């Protein structure tokens, strides 16, 4: 089930440059395979990630959290819901921990 217009509006307003709709997962897997996901988000902070998880749970939207895609195979028909890549926000967490 594709995302509803209200959900797209909320996601766009909160994640601006960090979100891509109908994004081919082949761009985010080591083996370069996989169909589109409804929304692909790489949050910039732990706070953004927390807000997204709470929001998707409240809306009943499927959420898949991934790393950098090295151990991921995605079918050609893609993924329904939202895929969250932790690559951006984990870099910031690691930098804070390493102070």
Protein backbone atom coordinates (compact mmCIF):
# COMPACT_ATOMS: atom_id res chain seq x y z
CA UNK A 1 0.00 0.00 0.00
CA UNK A 2 1.64 3.26 -1.11
CA UNK A 3 2.03 6.15 1.28
CA UNK A 4 -0.93 8.48 1.61
CA UNK A 5 -0.62 12.15 0.55
CA UNK A 6 -0.75 13.33 4.19
CA UNK A 7 2.13 11.00 5.07
CA UNK A 8 4.18 12.23 2.12
CA UNK A 9 3.56 15.81 3.19
CA UNK A 10 4.64 15.10 6.79
CA UNK A 11 7.76 13.23 5.71
CA UNK A 12 8.76 15.93 3.22
CA UNK A 13 8.34 18.70 5.78
CA UNK A 14 10.42 16.88 8.40
CA UNK A 15 13.16 15.29 6.29
CA UNK A 16 13.51 17.64 3.28
CA UNK A 17 16.84 16.62 1.66
CA UNK A 18 17.16 13.35 3.61
CA UNK A 19 14.20 11.64 1.91
CA UNK A 20 13.66 10.08 -1.51
CA UNK A 21 10.35 8.66 -2.72
CA UNK A 22 10.12 5.57 -4.98
CA UNK A 23 13.86 5.18 -4.52
CA UNK A 24 15.40 2.07 -6.14
CA UNK A 25 16.96 -0.04 -3.41
CA UNK A 26 19.58 -1.11 -5.95
CA UNK A 27 21.28 2.21 -5.13
CA UNK A 28 21.63 1.17 -1.50
CA UNK A 29 22.71 -2.47 -1.60
CA UNK A 30 26.18 -3.91 -2.08
CA UNK A 31 24.99 -6.20 -4.89
CA UNK A 32 23.09 -3.36 -6.64
CA UNK A 33 19.77 -5.23 -6.71
CA UNK A 34 16.30 -4.33 -5.54
CA UNK A 35 13.17 -2.53 -6.59
CA UNK A 36 11.74 0.72 -5.23
CA UNK A 37 10.83 1.57 -1.67
CA UNK A 38 7.95 3.95 -0.96
CA UNK A 39 10.29 6.24 0.98
CA UNK A 40 14.01 6.04 1.72
CA UNK A 41 15.28 8.20 4.57
CA UNK A 42 18.76 8.75 5.94
CA UNK A 43 18.09 10.80 9.10
CA UNK A 44 20.78 13.25 10.14
CA UNK A 45 20.37 12.86 13.90
CA UNK A 46 19.27 10.51 16.63
CA UNK A 47 16.39 12.89 17.36
CA UNK A 48 15.16 12.68 13.74
CA UNK A 49 15.37 8.90 13.90
CA UNK A 50 13.41 8.78 17.16
CA UNK A 51 10.72 11.08 15.79
CA UNK A 52 10.41 8.95 12.63
CA UNK A 53 10.10 5.68 14.55
CA UNK A 54 7.39 7.11 16.81
CA UNK A 55 5.49 8.60 13.87
CA UNK A 56 5.59 5.44 11.70
CA UNK A 57 4.46 3.34 14.64
CA UNK A 58 1.52 5.66 15.32
CA UNK A 59 0.50 5.53 11.63
CA UNK A 60 1.02 1.78 11.21
CA UNK A 61 3.49 2.32 8.39
CA UNK A 62 6.01 -0.50 7.87
CA UNK A 63 9.57 0.52 8.78
CA UNK A 64 12.80 -1.26 7.91
CA UNK A 65 16.03 -0.04 9.44
CA UNK A 66 19.24 -0.84 7.56
CA UNK A 67 22.94 -0.08 7.79
CA UNK A 68 25.00 0.42 4.65
CA UNK A 69 23.39 -2.39 2.61
CA UNK A 70 26.28 -4.84 2.53
CA UNK A 71 24.21 -7.77 3.80
CA UNK A 72 20.93 -6.87 2.12
CA UNK A 73 19.08 -8.43 -0.82
CA UNK A 74 15.86 -6.77 -1.98
CA UNK A 75 13.35 -8.32 -4.39
CA UNK A 76 12.68 -6.65 -7.73
CA UNK A 77 9.18 -5.59 -6.62
CA UNK A 78 10.75 -3.51 -3.84
CA UNK A 79 9.63 -2.71 -0.32
CA UNK A 80 6.35 -1.24 0.92
CA UNK A 81 6.71 1.41 3.58
CA UNK A 82 9.80 3.27 4.71
CA UNK A 83 13.44 2.21 4.72
CA UNK A 84 15.71 4.05 7.13
CA UNK A 85 19.46 4.00 6.54
CA UNK A 86 21.48 4.68 9.67
CA UNK A 87 24.64 5.73 7.84
CA UNK A 88 24.31 9.48 8.55
CA UNK A 89 23.09 9.47 12.14
CA UNK A 90 25.50 6.72 13.28
CA UNK A 91 28.44 8.78 12.05
CA UNK A 92 27.37 11.62 14.33
CA UNK A 93 26.79 9.23 17.26
CA UNK A 94 30.26 7.72 16.76
CA UNK A 95 31.89 11.14 16.68
CA UNK A 96 30.19 12.15 19.93
CA UNK A 97 31.21 8.90 21.62
CA UNK A 98 34.81 9.31 20.52
CA UNK A 99 35.32 12.75 22.12
